[in-house]
């Protein structure tokens, strides 16, 4: 089990921050729901990652494949071409880099290029080689709740009790990852907000982060700019949600709530507001 200070667990192999960490997002893709195409060039992506660190990101998550609903998977060579040079460039500047991938080959080459963490939205289910590769490298690993690729839309988003089912399914996946040789103090759990879940599911999960923390591993909350925030901001079911890039204040609000609940990190596209939010949450925590 991971080291714990107060309510917040820390991850072996990475800095033990005294507050919720901020993971900035670098999408090296032409089709991300949030900022697709803006940082598709390697040089632009590296600059963006460095800018995120300057704005307060503690680590940067680099991905070359969109996981938005309906997205088509890129081939392995293209994902490697997009991701590895950006990981290498950021790591060479001293940035703590996470690689966002479902492919073992990409994880392996990214780790060799300097990545410190593997963030697999499938929790190792999409590629049977992923767990052995991460275990052999001794790298920390994010296990997200996942019910399959979203190429056909919102896959299997039916729940009787979303919190219990997500916790139980995550627990089973963590056990499989442990059996695969990844050390318990190097596992992060992620409820997979927006993945096979509607807005109500996401909100209920956020209201019960304590149940996810009870799994005994650091918790990553990735709510940034997601559809459920658009639904909340729209106010009425018939109203049009604001576009993704107008959801950053709402994202910062979730970041503050997650930090207060004891999350290890929050994953966000726009760093500045969230960096402020987690620091305020830490100051309030320290004033108790």
C-alpha atoms as a PDB file:
ATOM      1  CA  UNK A   1       0.000   0.000   0.000  1.00  0.00           C
ATOM      2  CA  UNK A   2       1.191   3.528  -0.743  1.00  0.00           C
ATOM      3  CA  UNK A   3       2.731   5.805   1.826  1.00  0.00           C
ATOM      4  CA  UNK A   4       0.161   8.118   3.368  1.00  0.00           C
ATOM      5  CA  UNK A   5       0.487  11.550   4.919  1.00  0.00           C
ATOM      6  CA  UNK A   6      -2.810  12.598   6.511  1.00  0.00           C
ATOM      7  CA  UNK A   7      -5.499  11.377   4.115  1.00  0.00           C
ATOM      8  CA  UNK A   8      -3.414  11.663   0.942  1.00  0.00           C
ATOM      9  CA  UNK A   9      -1.485   8.699  -0.341  1.00  0.00           C
ATOM     10  CA  UNK A  10       1.772   9.152  -2.222  1.00  0.00           C
ATOM     11  CA  UNK A  11       3.166   7.150  -5.084  1.00  0.00           C
ATOM     12  CA  UNK A  12       6.499   5.331  -4.865  1.00  0.00           C
ATOM     13  CA  UNK A  13       9.021   6.560  -7.411  1.00  0.00           C
ATOM     14  CA  UNK A  14       7.607  10.078  -7.714  1.00  0.00           C
ATOM     15  CA  UNK A  15       7.807  13.268  -5.689  1.00  0.00           C
ATOM     16  CA  UNK A  16       5.692  13.178  -2.521  1.00  0.00           C
ATOM     17  CA  UNK A  17       3.854  16.487  -2.869  1.00  0.00           C
ATOM     18  CA  UNK A  18       2.305  17.917   0.314  1.00  0.00           C
ATOM     19  CA  UNK A  19      -0.937  18.643  -1.576  1.00  0.00           C
ATOM     20  CA  UNK A  20      -2.941  17.328  -4.488  1.00  0.00           C
ATOM     21  CA  UNK A  21      -0.662  17.344  -7.548  1.00  0.00           C
ATOM     22  CA  UNK A  22      -1.603  18.959 -10.857  1.00  0.00           C
ATOM     23  CA  UNK A  23      -1.148  16.846 -13.991  1.00  0.00           C
ATOM     24  CA  UNK A  24      -1.178  19.004 -17.124  1.00  0.00           C
ATOM     25  CA  UNK A  25      -2.389  17.516 -20.403  1.00  0.00           C
ATOM     26  CA  UNK A  26      -0.479  17.582 -23.694  1.00  0.00           C
ATOM     27  CA  UNK A  27      -2.562  16.052 -26.482  1.00  0.00           C
ATOM     28  CA  UNK A  28      -0.364  15.391 -29.522  1.00  0.00           C
ATOM     29  CA  UNK A  29      -3.449  14.639 -31.591  1.00  0.00           C
ATOM     30  CA  UNK A  30      -5.479  16.265 -34.367  1.00  0.00           C
ATOM     31  CA  UNK A  31      -8.810  15.150 -32.871  1.00  0.00           C
ATOM     32  CA  UNK A  32      -8.880  15.584 -29.081  1.00  0.00           C
ATOM     33  CA  UNK A  33     -12.290  16.772 -27.841  1.00  0.00           C
ATOM     34  CA  UNK A  34     -10.626  19.650 -26.000  1.00  0.00           C
ATOM     35  CA  UNK A  35      -7.662  20.963 -27.964  1.00  0.00           C
ATOM     36  CA  UNK A  36      -7.142  18.610 -30.885  1.00  0.00           C
ATOM     37  CA  UNK A  37      -4.667  19.921 -33.435  1.00  0.00           C
ATOM     38  CA  UNK A  38      -3.373  22.814 -31.359  1.00  0.00           C
ATOM     39  CA  UNK A  39      -0.219  20.990 -30.225  1.00  0.00           C
ATOM     40  CA  UNK A  40       0.072  18.337 -32.950  1.00  0.00           C
ATOM     41  CA  UNK A  41       3.591  19.447 -33.924  1.00  0.00           C
ATOM     42  CA  UNK A  42       6.394  18.063 -31.710  1.00  0.00           C
ATOM     43  CA  UNK A  43       7.977  21.461 -31.081  1.00  0.00           C
ATOM     44  CA  UNK A  44       4.622  23.033 -30.204  1.00  0.00           C
ATOM     45  CA  UNK A  45       3.763  20.121 -27.913  1.00  0.00           C
ATOM     46  CA  UNK A  46       7.046  20.376 -26.006  1.00  0.00           C
ATOM     47  CA  UNK A  47       6.620  24.139 -25.642  1.00  0.00           C
ATOM     48  CA  UNK A  48       3.081  23.631 -24.386  1.00  0.00           C
ATOM     49  CA  UNK A  49       4.272  21.110 -21.810  1.00  0.00           C
ATOM     50  CA  UNK A  50       6.920  23.524 -20.553  1.00  0.00           C
ATOM     51  CA  UNK A  51       4.308  26.294 -20.421  1.00  0.00           C
ATOM     52  CA  UNK A  52       2.059  24.066 -18.292  1.00  0.00           C
ATOM     53  CA  UNK A  53       4.912  23.501 -15.846  1.00  0.00           C
ATOM     54  CA  UNK A  54       5.547  27.247 -15.710  1.00  0.00           C
ATOM     55  CA  UNK A  55       1.849  27.716 -14.871  1.00  0.00           C
ATOM     56  CA  UNK A  56       2.057  25.261 -11.962  1.00  0.00           C
ATOM     57  CA  UNK A  57       1.811  21.709 -13.330  1.00  0.00           C
ATOM     58  CA  UNK A  58       3.710  19.177 -11.229  1.00  0.00           C
ATOM     59  CA  UNK A  59       3.769  16.584 -14.000  1.00  0.00           C
ATOM     60  CA  UNK A  60       2.696  16.460 -17.637  1.00  0.00           C
ATOM     61  CA  UNK A  61       0.631  13.720 -19.304  1.00  0.00           C
ATOM     62  CA  UNK A  62       1.532  13.188 -22.981  1.00  0.00           C
ATOM     63  CA  UNK A  63      -0.865  11.315 -25.237  1.00  0.00           C
ATOM     64  CA  UNK A  64      -0.973  10.640 -28.966  1.00  0.00           C
ATOM     65  CA  UNK A  65      -4.393   9.051 -29.287  1.00  0.00           C
ATOM     66  CA  UNK A  66      -7.770  10.619 -28.607  1.00  0.00           C
ATOM     67  CA  UNK A  67     -10.033   8.663 -26.257  1.00  0.00           C
ATOM     68  CA  UNK A  68     -13.116  10.834 -26.827  1.00  0.00           C
ATOM     69  CA  UNK A  69     -16.333   8.959 -27.650  1.00  0.00           C
ATOM     70  CA  UNK A  70     -16.378   7.974 -31.319  1.00  0.00           C
ATOM     71  CA  UNK A  71     -12.646   8.497 -31.861  1.00  0.00           C
ATOM     72  CA  UNK A  72     -10.894   6.089 -34.240  1.00  0.00           C
ATOM     73  CA  UNK A  73      -7.694   4.511 -32.985  1.00  0.00           C
ATOM     74  CA  UNK A  74      -4.418   5.533 -34.628  1.00  0.00           C
ATOM     75  CA  UNK A  75      -1.944   2.873 -35.674  1.00  0.00           C
ATOM     76  CA  UNK A  76       1.035   1.984 -33.511  1.00  0.00           C
ATOM     77  CA  UNK A  77       3.700   3.643 -35.662  1.00  0.00           C
ATOM     78  CA  UNK A  78       1.798   6.924 -35.762  1.00  0.00           C
ATOM     79  CA  UNK A  79       1.258   6.939 -32.001  1.00  0.00           C
ATOM     80  CA  UNK A  80       4.974   6.311 -31.435  1.00  0.00           C
ATOM     81  CA  UNK A  81       5.871   9.097 -33.875  1.00  0.00           C
ATOM     82  CA  UNK A  82       3.626  11.534 -32.026  1.00  0.00           C
ATOM     83  CA  UNK A  83       4.483  10.636 -28.432  1.00  0.00           C
ATOM     84  CA  UNK A  84       8.090   9.533 -27.990  1.00  0.00           C
ATOM     85  CA  UNK A  85       9.859  12.732 -29.226  1.00  0.00           C
ATOM     86  CA  UNK A  86       7.631  14.873 -26.977  1.00  0.00           C
ATOM     87  CA  UNK A  87       8.304  12.668 -23.947  1.00  0.00           C
ATOM     88  CA  UNK A  88      12.031  12.781 -24.659  1.00  0.00           C
ATOM     89  CA  UNK A  89      12.027  16.551 -25.111  1.00  0.00           C
ATOM     90  CA  UNK A  90      10.118  17.255 -21.910  1.00  0.00           C
ATOM     91  CA  UNK A  91      12.053  14.720 -19.821  1.00  0.00           C
ATOM     92  CA  UNK A  92      15.325  16.243 -21.012  1.00  0.00           C
ATOM     93  CA  UNK A  93      14.123  19.549 -19.535  1.00  0.00           C
ATOM     94  CA  UNK A  94      13.571  17.908 -16.144  1.00  0.00           C
ATOM     95  CA  UNK A  95       9.785  17.587 -16.453  1.00  0.00           C
ATOM     96  CA  UNK A  96       8.086  14.651 -14.711  1.00  0.00           C
ATOM     97  CA  UNK A  97       6.309  13.005 -17.636  1.00  0.00           C
ATOM     98  CA  UNK A  98       3.373  10.622 -17.696  1.00  0.00           C
ATOM     99  CA  UNK A  99       2.590   8.780 -20.934  1.00  0.00           C
ATOM    100  CA  UNK A 100      -1.093   8.366 -21.771  1.00  0.00           C
ATOM    101  CA  UNK A 101      -1.342   5.199 -23.863  1.00  0.00           C
ATOM    102  CA  UNK A 102      -3.097   1.852 -24.160  1.00  0.00           C
ATOM    103  CA  UNK A 103      -0.213   0.269 -26.104  1.00  0.00           C
ATOM    104  CA  UNK A 104       2.638  -1.567 -24.385  1.00  0.00           C
ATOM    105  CA  UNK A 105       5.078  -0.664 -27.162  1.00  0.00           C
ATOM    106  CA  UNK A 106       4.383   3.045 -26.687  1.00  0.00           C
ATOM    107  CA  UNK A 107       4.692   2.742 -22.918  1.00  0.00           C
ATOM    108  CA  UNK A 108       7.961   0.855 -23.269  1.00  0.00           C
ATOM    109  CA  UNK A 109       9.547   3.378 -25.626  1.00  0.00           C
ATOM    110  CA  UNK A 110       8.209   6.341 -23.661  1.00  0.00           C
ATOM    111  CA  UNK A 111       9.671   4.949 -20.434  1.00  0.00           C
ATOM    112  CA  UNK A 112      12.995   4.489 -22.219  1.00  0.00           C
ATOM    113  CA  UNK A 113      12.749   8.112 -23.393  1.00  0.00           C
ATOM    114  CA  UNK A 114      12.324   9.371 -19.824  1.00  0.00           C
ATOM    115  CA  UNK A 115       8.656   8.989 -18.864  1.00  0.00           C
ATOM    116  CA  UNK A 116       8.145   8.353 -15.147  1.00  0.00           C
ATOM    117  CA  UNK A 117       4.545   7.095 -15.124  1.00  0.00           C
ATOM    118  CA  UNK A 118       2.201   5.137 -17.408  1.00  0.00           C
ATOM    119  CA  UNK A 119      -1.421   6.316 -17.595  1.00  0.00           C
ATOM    120  CA  UNK A 120      -3.465   3.621 -19.364  1.00  0.00           C
ATOM    121  CA  UNK A 121      -7.182   4.416 -19.634  1.00  0.00           C
ATOM    122  CA  UNK A 122      -7.847   0.699 -20.136  1.00  0.00           C
ATOM    123  CA  UNK A 123      -5.983  -0.283 -16.964  1.00  0.00           C
ATOM    124  CA  UNK A 124      -3.976  -2.799 -18.990  1.00  0.00           C
ATOM    125  CA  UNK A 125      -7.006  -4.438 -20.629  1.00  0.00           C
ATOM    126  CA  UNK A 126      -6.428  -3.139 -24.172  1.00  0.00           C
ATOM    127  CA  UNK A 127      -2.969  -4.701 -24.568  1.00  0.00           C
ATOM    128  CA  UNK A 128      -1.990  -7.900 -22.702  1.00  0.00           C
ATOM    129  CA  UNK A 129       1.682  -6.888 -22.852  1.00  0.00           C
ATOM    130  CA  UNK A 130       1.110  -3.652 -20.923  1.00  0.00           C
ATOM    131  CA  UNK A 131       1.270  -5.026 -17.381  1.00  0.00           C
ATOM    132  CA  UNK A 132       4.466  -7.070 -17.948  1.00  0.00           C
ATOM    133  CA  UNK A 133       6.152  -4.067 -19.600  1.00  0.00           C
ATOM    134  CA  UNK A 134       5.282  -1.721 -16.725  1.00  0.00           C
ATOM    135  CA  UNK A 135       6.176  -4.337 -14.105  1.00  0.00           C
ATOM    136  CA  UNK A 136       9.567  -4.954 -15.728  1.00  0.00           C
ATOM    137  CA  UNK A 137      10.273  -1.225 -15.769  1.00  0.00           C
ATOM    138  CA  UNK A 138       9.192  -0.794 -12.145  1.00  0.00           C
ATOM    139  CA  UNK A 139       7.123   2.207 -13.207  1.00  0.00           C
ATOM    140  CA  UNK A 140       4.033   3.601 -11.497  1.00  0.00           C
ATOM    141  CA  UNK A 141       0.793   2.740 -13.307  1.00  0.00           C
ATOM    142  CA  UNK A 142      -2.640   4.388 -13.466  1.00  0.00           C
ATOM    143  CA  UNK A 143      -5.514   1.886 -13.426  1.00  0.00           C
ATOM    144  CA  UNK A 144      -8.648   3.547 -14.771  1.00  0.00           C
ATOM    145  CA  UNK A 145     -12.178   2.141 -14.645  1.00  0.00           C
ATOM    146  CA  UNK A 146     -12.852   1.044 -18.229  1.00  0.00           C
ATOM    147  CA  UNK A 147     -15.547  -0.943 -19.967  1.00  0.00           C
ATOM    148  CA  UNK A 148     -14.180  -0.893 -23.495  1.00  0.00           C
ATOM    149  CA  UNK A 149     -13.291   1.372 -26.396  1.00  0.00           C
ATOM    150  CA  UNK A 150     -15.727   4.210 -27.065  1.00  0.00           C
ATOM    151  CA  UNK A 151     -15.659   3.943 -30.860  1.00  0.00           C
ATOM    152  CA  UNK A 152     -19.355   3.091 -30.833  1.00  0.00           C
ATOM    153  CA  UNK A 153     -20.339   5.797 -28.344  1.00  0.00           C
ATOM    154  CA  UNK A 154     -20.937   5.465 -24.621  1.00  0.00           C
ATOM    155  CA  UNK A 155     -20.210   1.744 -24.180  1.00  0.00           C
ATOM    156  CA  UNK A 156     -22.068  -0.162 -21.436  1.00  0.00           C
ATOM    157  CA  UNK A 157     -22.945   2.874 -19.364  1.00  0.00           C
ATOM    158  CA  UNK A 158     -25.673   1.107 -17.406  1.00  0.00           C
ATOM    159  CA  UNK A 159     -25.361   0.847 -13.627  1.00  0.00           C
ATOM    160  CA  UNK A 160     -27.611  -0.154 -10.756  1.00  0.00           C
ATOM    161  CA  UNK A 161     -25.241   1.432  -8.207  1.00  0.00           C
ATOM    162  CA  UNK A 162     -22.483   3.264 -10.050  1.00  0.00           C
ATOM    163  CA  UNK A 163     -20.229   3.802  -7.013  1.00  0.00           C
ATOM    164  CA  UNK A 164     -20.320   0.192  -5.854  1.00  0.00           C
ATOM    165  CA  UNK A 165     -19.882  -1.175  -9.366  1.00  0.00           C
ATOM    166  CA  UNK A 166     -16.990   1.144 -10.243  1.00  0.00           C
ATOM    167  CA  UNK A 167     -15.254   0.411  -6.933  1.00  0.00           C
ATOM    168  CA  UNK A 168     -15.733  -3.347  -7.337  1.00  0.00           C
ATOM    169  CA  UNK A 169     -14.544  -3.355 -10.947  1.00  0.00           C
ATOM    170  CA  UNK A 170     -11.544  -1.207 -10.092  1.00  0.00           C
ATOM    171  CA  UNK A 171     -10.701  -3.487  -7.167  1.00  0.00           C
ATOM    172  CA  UNK A 172     -10.772  -6.526  -9.465  1.00  0.00           C
ATOM    173  CA  UNK A 173      -8.561  -4.759 -11.998  1.00  0.00           C
ATOM    174  CA  UNK A 174      -6.075  -3.677  -9.321  1.00  0.00           C
ATOM    175  CA  UNK A 175      -5.845  -7.297  -8.138  1.00  0.00           C
ATOM    176  CA  UNK A 176      -5.050  -8.380 -11.700  1.00  0.00           C
ATOM    177  CA  UNK A 177      -2.381  -5.680 -11.983  1.00  0.00           C
ATOM    178  CA  UNK A 178      -0.850  -6.789  -8.675  1.00  0.00           C
ATOM    179  CA  UNK A 179      -0.868 -10.398  -9.882  1.00  0.00           C
ATOM    180  CA  UNK A 180       0.947  -9.160 -12.986  1.00  0.00           C
ATOM    181  CA  UNK A 181       3.866  -7.945 -10.899  1.00  0.00           C
ATOM    182  CA  UNK A 182       3.276  -4.220 -10.447  1.00  0.00           C
ATOM    183  CA  UNK A 183       4.064  -3.241  -6.856  1.00  0.00           C
ATOM    184  CA  UNK A 184       1.125  -2.029  -4.727  1.00  0.00           C
ATOM    185  CA  UNK A 185       2.866   1.256  -3.892  1.00  0.00           C
ATOM    186  CA  UNK A 186       3.115   2.065  -7.616  1.00  0.00           C
ATOM    187  CA  UNK A 187      -0.591   1.813  -8.463  1.00  0.00           C
ATOM    188  CA  UNK A 188      -2.922   4.788  -8.954  1.00  0.00           C
ATOM    189  CA  UNK A 189      -6.688   4.394  -9.385  1.00  0.00           C
ATOM    190  CA  UNK A 190      -8.915   6.573 -11.570  1.00  0.00           C
ATOM    191  CA  UNK A 191     -12.739   6.342 -11.661  1.00  0.00           C
ATOM    192  CA  UNK A 192     -12.796   7.043 -15.403  1.00  0.00           C
ATOM    193  CA  UNK A 193     -15.164  10.006 -15.410  1.00  0.00           C
ATOM    194  CA  UNK A 194     -16.939  10.214 -18.754  1.00  0.00           C
ATOM    195  CA  UNK A 195     -15.929   6.723 -19.839  1.00  0.00           C
ATOM    196  CA  UNK A 196     -19.111   4.637 -20.161  1.00  0.00           C
ATOM    197  CA  UNK A 197     -20.766   7.076 -17.760  1.00  0.00           C
ATOM    198  CA  UNK A 198     -23.297   9.854 -18.119  1.00  0.00           C
ATOM    199  CA  UNK A 199     -23.343  13.161 -16.239  1.00  0.00           C
ATOM    200  CA  UNK A 200     -25.293  11.772 -13.293  1.00  0.00           C
ATOM    201  CA  UNK A 201     -22.820   8.884 -12.886  1.00  0.00           C
ATOM    202  CA  UNK A 202     -19.859  11.267 -12.924  1.00  0.00           C
ATOM    203  CA  UNK A 203     -21.384  13.531 -10.292  1.00  0.00           C
ATOM    204  CA  UNK A 204     -22.263  10.636  -7.995  1.00  0.00           C
ATOM    205  CA  UNK A 205     -18.710   9.317  -8.247  1.00  0.00           C
ATOM    206  CA  UNK A 206     -17.315  12.742  -7.375  1.00  0.00           C
ATOM    207  CA  UNK A 207     -19.630  12.851  -4.367  1.00  0.00           C
ATOM    208  CA  UNK A 208     -18.196   9.532  -3.139  1.00  0.00           C
ATOM    209  CA  UNK A 209     -14.451   9.840  -3.689  1.00  0.00           C
ATOM    210  CA  UNK A 210     -13.992   8.446  -0.174  1.00  0.00           C
ATOM    211  CA  UNK A 211     -15.160   5.061  -1.481  1.00  0.00           C
ATOM    212  CA  UNK A 212     -12.487   5.143  -4.180  1.00  0.00           C
ATOM    213  CA  UNK A 213      -9.825   6.234  -1.701  1.00  0.00           C
ATOM    214  CA  UNK A 214     -10.784   3.247   0.445  1.00  0.00           C
ATOM    215  CA  UNK A 215      -9.246   1.022  -2.234  1.00  0.00           C
ATOM    216  CA  UNK A 216      -5.947   2.001  -0.593  1.00  0.00           C
ATOM    217  CA  UNK A 217      -4.138   3.595  -3.549  1.00  0.00           C
ATOM    218  CA  UNK A 218      -3.479   7.169  -4.685  1.00  0.00           C
ATOM    219  CA  UNK A 219      -6.445   8.589  -6.586  1.00  0.00           C
ATOM    220  CA  UNK A 220      -6.303  10.473  -9.890  1.00  0.00           C
ATOM    221  CA  UNK A 221      -9.360  12.559 -10.841  1.00  0.00           C
ATOM    222  CA  UNK A 222      -9.594  13.509 -14.523  1.00  0.00           C
ATOM    223  CA  UNK A 223     -12.652  15.724 -14.921  1.00  0.00           C
ATOM    224  CA  UNK A 224     -11.160  18.455 -17.086  1.00  0.00           C
ATOM    225  CA  UNK A 225     -13.579  19.973 -19.606  1.00  0.00           C
ATOM    226  CA  UNK A 226     -15.662  16.790 -19.737  1.00  0.00           C
ATOM    227  CA  UNK A 227     -19.237  16.496 -20.939  1.00  0.00           C
ATOM    228  CA  UNK A 228     -20.768  16.282 -17.474  1.00  0.00           C
ATOM    229  CA  UNK A 229     -19.397  19.747 -16.663  1.00  0.00           C
ATOM    230  CA  UNK A 230     -20.994  21.065 -19.836  1.00  0.00           C
ATOM    231  CA  UNK A 231     -24.301  19.570 -18.717  1.00  0.00           C
ATOM    232  CA  UNK A 232     -23.977  21.145 -15.268  1.00  0.00           C
ATOM    233  CA  UNK A 233     -23.158  24.554 -16.730  1.00  0.00           C
ATOM    234  CA  UNK A 234     -26.007  24.363 -19.250  1.00  0.00           C
ATOM    235  CA  UNK A 235     -28.425  24.220 -16.318  1.00  0.00           C
ATOM    236  CA  UNK A 236     -31.392  22.784 -18.208  1.00  0.00           C
ATOM    237  CA  UNK A 237     -31.531  19.511 -20.175  1.00  0.00           C
ATOM    238  CA  UNK A 238     -32.675  21.307 -23.337  1.00  0.00           C
ATOM    239  CA  UNK A 239     -29.947  24.003 -23.127  1.00  0.00           C
ATOM    240  CA  UNK A 240     -26.765  23.796 -25.194  1.00  0.00           C
ATOM    241  CA  UNK A 241     -23.671  23.058 -23.073  1.00  0.00           C
ATOM    242  CA  UNK A 242     -20.771  25.506 -23.387  1.00  0.00           C
ATOM    243  CA  UNK A 243     -17.869  24.268 -25.529  1.00  0.00           C
ATOM    244  CA  UNK A 244     -15.048  22.321 -23.868  1.00  0.00           C
ATOM    245  CA  UNK A 245     -12.661  25.270 -23.598  1.00  0.00           C
ATOM    246  CA  UNK A 246     -15.260  27.272 -21.629  1.00  0.00           C
ATOM    247  CA  UNK A 247     -15.356  24.698 -18.808  1.00  0.00           C
ATOM    248  CA  UNK A 248     -12.071  25.564 -17.077  1.00  0.00           C
ATOM    249  CA  UNK A 249     -13.591  27.393 -14.096  1.00  0.00           C
ATOM    250  CA  UNK A 250     -15.866  24.398 -13.527  1.00  0.00           C
ATOM    251  CA  UNK A 251     -12.831  22.133 -13.823  1.00  0.00           C
ATOM    252  CA  UNK A 252     -11.007  24.154 -11.160  1.00  0.00           C
ATOM    253  CA  UNK A 253     -14.021  23.766  -8.867  1.00  0.00           C
ATOM    254  CA  UNK A 254     -13.844  19.981  -9.247  1.00  0.00           C
ATOM    255  CA  UNK A 255     -10.088  20.141  -8.642  1.00  0.00           C
ATOM    256  CA  UNK A 256     -10.637  21.936  -5.329  1.00  0.00           C
ATOM    257  CA  UNK A 257     -13.256  19.368  -4.286  1.00  0.00           C
ATOM    258  CA  UNK A 258     -11.015  16.455  -5.274  1.00  0.00           C
ATOM    259  CA  UNK A 259      -8.034  17.960  -3.461  1.00  0.00           C
ATOM    260  CA  UNK A 260     -10.157  18.495  -0.343  1.00  0.00           C
ATOM    261  CA  UNK A 261     -11.308  14.863  -0.520  1.00  0.00           C
ATOM    262  CA  UNK A 262      -7.709  13.611  -0.584  1.00  0.00           C
ATOM    263  CA  UNK A 263      -6.981  12.953  -4.273  1.00  0.00           C
ATOM    264  CA  UNK A 264      -3.347  12.371  -5.194  1.00  0.00           C
ATOM    265  CA  UNK A 265      -3.631  14.357  -8.439  1.00  0.00           C
ATOM    266  CA  UNK A 266      -6.034  16.036 -10.829  1.00  0.00           C
ATOM    267  CA  UNK A 267      -5.539  15.911 -14.603  1.00  0.00           C
ATOM    268  CA  UNK A 268      -6.363  19.196 -16.354  1.00  0.00           C
ATOM    269  CA  UNK A 269      -5.931  21.008 -19.655  1.00  0.00           C
ATOM    270  CA  UNK A 270      -5.741  24.550 -18.261  1.00  0.00           C
ATOM    271  CA  UNK A 271      -3.356  24.530 -15.325  1.00  0.00           C
ATOM    272  CA  UNK A 272      -3.299  27.984 -13.777  1.00  0.00           C
ATOM    273  CA  UNK A 273      -6.748  28.023 -12.150  1.00  0.00           C
ATOM    274  CA  UNK A 274      -6.428  24.465 -10.882  1.00  0.00           C
ATOM    275  CA  UNK A 275      -2.936  25.114  -9.499  1.00  0.00           C
ATOM    276  CA  UNK A 276      -4.470  27.943  -7.471  1.00  0.00           C
ATOM    277  CA  UNK A 277      -7.421  25.761  -6.445  1.00  0.00           C
ATOM    278  CA  UNK A 278      -5.331  22.914  -5.041  1.00  0.00           C
ATOM    279  CA  UNK A 279      -3.115  25.330  -3.143  1.00  0.00           C
ATOM    280  CA  UNK A 280      -6.148  26.954  -1.533  1.00  0.00           C
ATOM    281  CA  UNK A 281      -7.466  23.495  -0.642  1.00  0.00           C
ATOM    282  CA  UNK A 282      -4.109  22.668   0.962  1.00  0.00           C
ATOM    283  CA  UNK A 283      -4.091  25.939   2.944  1.00  0.00           C
ATOM    284  CA  UNK A 284      -7.567  25.212   4.295  1.00  0.00           C
ATOM    285  CA  UNK A 285      -6.484  21.670   5.161  1.00  0.00           C
ATOM    286  CA  UNK A 286      -3.454  23.039   6.991  1.00  0.00           C
ATOM    287  CA  UNK A 287      -5.595  25.473   8.995  1.00  0.00           C
ATOM    288  CA  UNK A 288      -7.621  22.677  10.629  1.00  0.00           C
END
